[in-house]
Amino acid sequence: MHETIAIVFDFDDTLAPDSISGYLSQAGISDLSSFWKKEVAALTDADWDPVPAYLFKMIEASKIGRIPKVTRESLSEWGRCLPLHDGVSGVFDRLRNVAKDANSRVTLEF
């Protein structure tokens, strides 16, 4: 029997430093400090969870034309040029090898 383990990464900075700020910067938010400390903080101060707060502000910015529309394509494009943490490029093969050594029936998907 073949077993597959799926590993999912999101924009939580596991693979790259401050990926959301990087995306916002390349999308056209020039004052990142204001975005985080004023716009997002206004929502978190009103008891919003931080992740929905910044996502809401990103969507709001795209709706008013402050940044281009946030799409799967724009996120994928950013992901292709996102600077990764040191060692990330080799971590996938290392994890696959560890899983295979532990159990030859296991494969990892990312």
C-alpha atoms as a PDB file:
ATOM      1  CA  MET A   1       0.000   0.000   0.000  1.00  0.00           C
ATOM      2  CA  HIS A   2       1.204   3.503  -0.878  1.00  0.00           C
ATOM      3  CA  GLU A   3       0.792   6.323   1.634  1.00  0.00           C
ATOM      4  CA  THR A   4       0.926  10.035   0.879  1.00  0.00           C
ATOM      5  CA  ILE A   5       1.528  12.817   3.364  1.00  0.00           C
ATOM      6  CA  ALA A   6       0.650  16.331   2.186  1.00  0.00           C
ATOM      7  CA  ILE A   7       2.465  19.324   3.638  1.00  0.00           C
ATOM      8  CA  VAL A   8       0.915  22.742   3.067  1.00  0.00           C
ATOM      9  CA  PHE A   9       2.637  26.069   3.581  1.00  0.00           C
ATOM     10  CA  ASP A  10       0.871  29.428   3.619  1.00  0.00           C
ATOM     11  CA  PHE A  11       1.998  33.030   3.830  1.00  0.00           C
ATOM     12  CA  ASP A  12       3.001  32.665   7.487  1.00  0.00           C
ATOM     13  CA  ASP A  13       6.705  33.296   6.876  1.00  0.00           C
ATOM     14  CA  THR A  14       7.720  29.653   7.264  1.00  0.00           C
ATOM     15  CA  LEU A  15       9.530  29.669   3.925  1.00  0.00           C
ATOM     16  CA  ALA A  16      10.265  33.361   3.408  1.00  0.00           C
ATOM     17  CA  PRO A  17      10.631  36.443   5.585  1.00  0.00           C
ATOM     18  CA  ASP A  18       7.632  38.778   5.784  1.00  0.00           C
ATOM     19  CA  SER A  19       6.008  37.557   2.594  1.00  0.00           C
ATOM     20  CA  ILE A  20       2.852  39.655   3.033  1.00  0.00           C
ATOM     21  CA  SER A  21       4.754  42.929   3.396  1.00  0.00           C
ATOM     22  CA  GLY A  22       6.820  41.950   0.371  1.00  0.00           C
ATOM     23  CA  TYR A  23       3.679  41.275  -1.654  1.00  0.00           C
ATOM     24  CA  LEU A  24       2.130  44.566  -0.583  1.00  0.00           C
ATOM     25  CA  SER A  25       5.300  46.478  -1.387  1.00  0.00           C
ATOM     26  CA  GLN A  26       5.594  45.047  -4.895  1.00  0.00           C
ATOM     27  CA  ALA A  27       1.858  45.652  -5.396  1.00  0.00           C
ATOM     28  CA  GLY A  28       2.279  49.351  -4.665  1.00  0.00           C
ATOM     29  CA  ILE A  29       1.806  49.961  -0.926  1.00  0.00           C
ATOM     30  CA  SER A  30       4.634  52.423  -0.369  1.00  0.00           C
ATOM     31  CA  ASP A  31       4.063  53.090   3.335  1.00  0.00           C
ATOM     32  CA  LEU A  32       4.039  49.624   4.866  1.00  0.00           C
ATOM     33  CA  SER A  33       4.439  51.010   8.370  1.00  0.00           C
ATOM     34  CA  SER A  34       1.209  52.959   8.032  1.00  0.00           C
ATOM     35  CA  PHE A  35      -0.565  49.964   6.513  1.00  0.00           C
ATOM     36  CA  TRP A  36       0.308  47.757   9.508  1.00  0.00           C
ATOM     37  CA  LYS A  37       0.347  50.290  12.345  1.00  0.00           C
ATOM     38  CA  LYS A  38      -2.683  52.346  11.349  1.00  0.00           C
ATOM     39  CA  GLU A  39      -4.912  50.497   8.927  1.00  0.00           C
ATOM     40  CA  VAL A  40      -4.590  46.933  10.175  1.00  0.00           C
ATOM     41  CA  ALA A  41      -4.134  47.990  13.805  1.00  0.00           C
ATOM     42  CA  ALA A  42      -7.428  49.893  13.666  1.00  0.00           C
ATOM     43  CA  LEU A  43      -9.157  46.587  12.991  1.00  0.00           C
ATOM     44  CA  THR A  44      -7.179  44.497  15.468  1.00  0.00           C
ATOM     45  CA  ASP A  45      -7.838  47.168  18.110  1.00  0.00           C
ATOM     46  CA  ALA A  46     -11.531  46.579  17.365  1.00  0.00           C
ATOM     47  CA  ASP A  47     -11.040  42.857  18.169  1.00  0.00           C
ATOM     48  CA  TRP A  48     -10.408  41.567  14.654  1.00  0.00           C
ATOM     49  CA  ASP A  49      -8.064  38.626  14.360  1.00  0.00           C
ATOM     50  CA  PRO A  50      -4.832  39.847  12.686  1.00  0.00           C
ATOM     51  CA  VAL A  51      -5.024  37.590   9.608  1.00  0.00           C
ATOM     52  CA  PRO A  52      -8.574  38.505   8.539  1.00  0.00           C
ATOM     53  CA  ALA A  53      -7.732  42.136   9.358  1.00  0.00           C
ATOM     54  CA  TYR A  54      -4.822  42.407   6.943  1.00  0.00           C
ATOM     55  CA  LEU A  55      -6.600  40.305   4.318  1.00  0.00           C
ATOM     56  CA  PHE A  56      -9.611  42.625   4.530  1.00  0.00           C
ATOM     57  CA  LYS A  57      -7.348  45.655   4.131  1.00  0.00           C
ATOM     58  CA  MET A  58      -5.604  44.043   1.144  1.00  0.00           C
ATOM     59  CA  ILE A  59      -8.926  43.338  -0.545  1.00  0.00           C
ATOM     60  CA  GLU A  60     -10.159  46.829   0.271  1.00  0.00           C
ATOM     61  CA  ALA A  61      -6.984  48.320  -1.246  1.00  0.00           C
ATOM     62  CA  SER A  62      -7.482  46.286  -4.415  1.00  0.00           C
ATOM     63  CA  LYS A  63     -11.143  47.284  -4.720  1.00  0.00           C
ATOM     64  CA  ILE A  64     -10.300  50.995  -4.664  1.00  0.00           C
ATOM     65  CA  GLY A  65      -7.394  50.571  -7.095  1.00  0.00           C
ATOM     66  CA  ARG A  66      -4.665  51.289  -4.563  1.00  0.00           C
ATOM     67  CA  ILE A  67      -3.081  47.972  -5.532  1.00  0.00           C
ATOM     68  CA  PRO A  68      -3.860  45.627  -8.421  1.00  0.00           C
ATOM     69  CA  LYS A  69      -6.567  43.060  -7.839  1.00  0.00           C
ATOM     70  CA  VAL A  70      -5.415  40.255  -5.549  1.00  0.00           C
ATOM     71  CA  THR A  71      -5.707  37.110  -7.633  1.00  0.00           C
ATOM     72  CA  ARG A  72      -4.310  33.609  -7.671  1.00  0.00           C
ATOM     73  CA  GLU A  73      -2.097  34.750 -10.540  1.00  0.00           C
ATOM     74  CA  SER A  74      -0.745  37.809  -8.688  1.00  0.00           C
ATOM     75  CA  LEU A  75       0.016  35.707  -5.608  1.00  0.00           C
ATOM     76  CA  SER A  76       1.664  33.016  -7.756  1.00  0.00           C
ATOM     77  CA  GLU A  77       3.751  35.639  -9.540  1.00  0.00           C
ATOM     78  CA  TRP A  78       4.939  37.018  -6.198  1.00  0.00           C
ATOM     79  CA  GLY A  79       5.663  33.494  -4.983  1.00  0.00           C
ATOM     80  CA  ARG A  80       7.942  32.870  -7.963  1.00  0.00           C
ATOM     81  CA  CYS A  81      10.166  35.850  -7.102  1.00  0.00           C
ATOM     82  CA  LEU A  82       9.774  35.809  -3.307  1.00  0.00           C
ATOM     83  CA  PRO A  83      13.169  35.699  -1.571  1.00  0.00           C
ATOM     84  CA  LEU A  84      13.263  32.520   0.511  1.00  0.00           C
ATOM     85  CA  HIS A  85      14.960  31.816   3.836  1.00  0.00           C
ATOM     86  CA  ASP A  86      18.402  30.200   3.560  1.00  0.00           C
ATOM     87  CA  GLY A  87      18.119  26.453   3.106  1.00  0.00           C
ATOM     88  CA  VAL A  88      14.542  26.376   1.822  1.00  0.00           C
ATOM     89  CA  SER A  89      15.528  25.278  -1.659  1.00  0.00           C
ATOM     90  CA  GLY A  90      16.882  21.989  -0.318  1.00  0.00           C
ATOM     91  CA  VAL A  91      14.339  21.295   2.417  1.00  0.00           C
ATOM     92  CA  PHE A  92      11.819  19.540   0.169  1.00  0.00           C
ATOM     93  CA  ASP A  93      14.222  16.852  -1.005  1.00  0.00           C
ATOM     94  CA  ARG A  94      15.583  16.412   2.536  1.00  0.00           C
ATOM     95  CA  LEU A  95      12.067  15.910   3.919  1.00  0.00           C
ATOM     96  CA  ARG A  96      11.214  13.441   1.163  1.00  0.00           C
ATOM     97  CA  ASN A  97      14.358  11.461   1.927  1.00  0.00           C
ATOM     98  CA  VAL A  98      13.661  11.372   5.678  1.00  0.00           C
ATOM     99  CA  ALA A  99      10.112  10.153   5.048  1.00  0.00           C
ATOM    100  CA  LYS A 100      11.303   7.506   2.587  1.00  0.00           C
ATOM    101  CA  ASP A 101      13.962   6.292   5.054  1.00  0.00           C
ATOM    102  CA  ALA A 102      11.351   6.044   7.829  1.00  0.00           C
ATOM    103  CA  ASN A 103       8.798   4.243   5.666  1.00  0.00           C
ATOM    104  CA  SER A 104       9.453   3.304   2.050  1.00  0.00           C
ATOM    105  CA  ARG A 105       5.711   3.336   1.273  1.00  0.00           C
ATOM    106  CA  VAL A 106       5.411   7.011   2.186  1.00  0.00           C
ATOM    107  CA  THR A 107       5.710   9.894  -0.252  1.00  0.00           C
ATOM    108  CA  LEU A 108       5.478  13.559   0.557  1.00  0.00           C
ATOM    109  CA  GLU A 109       3.645  16.135  -1.513  1.00  0.00           C
ATOM    110  CA  PHE A 110       3.929  19.877  -1.060  1.00  0.00           C
END
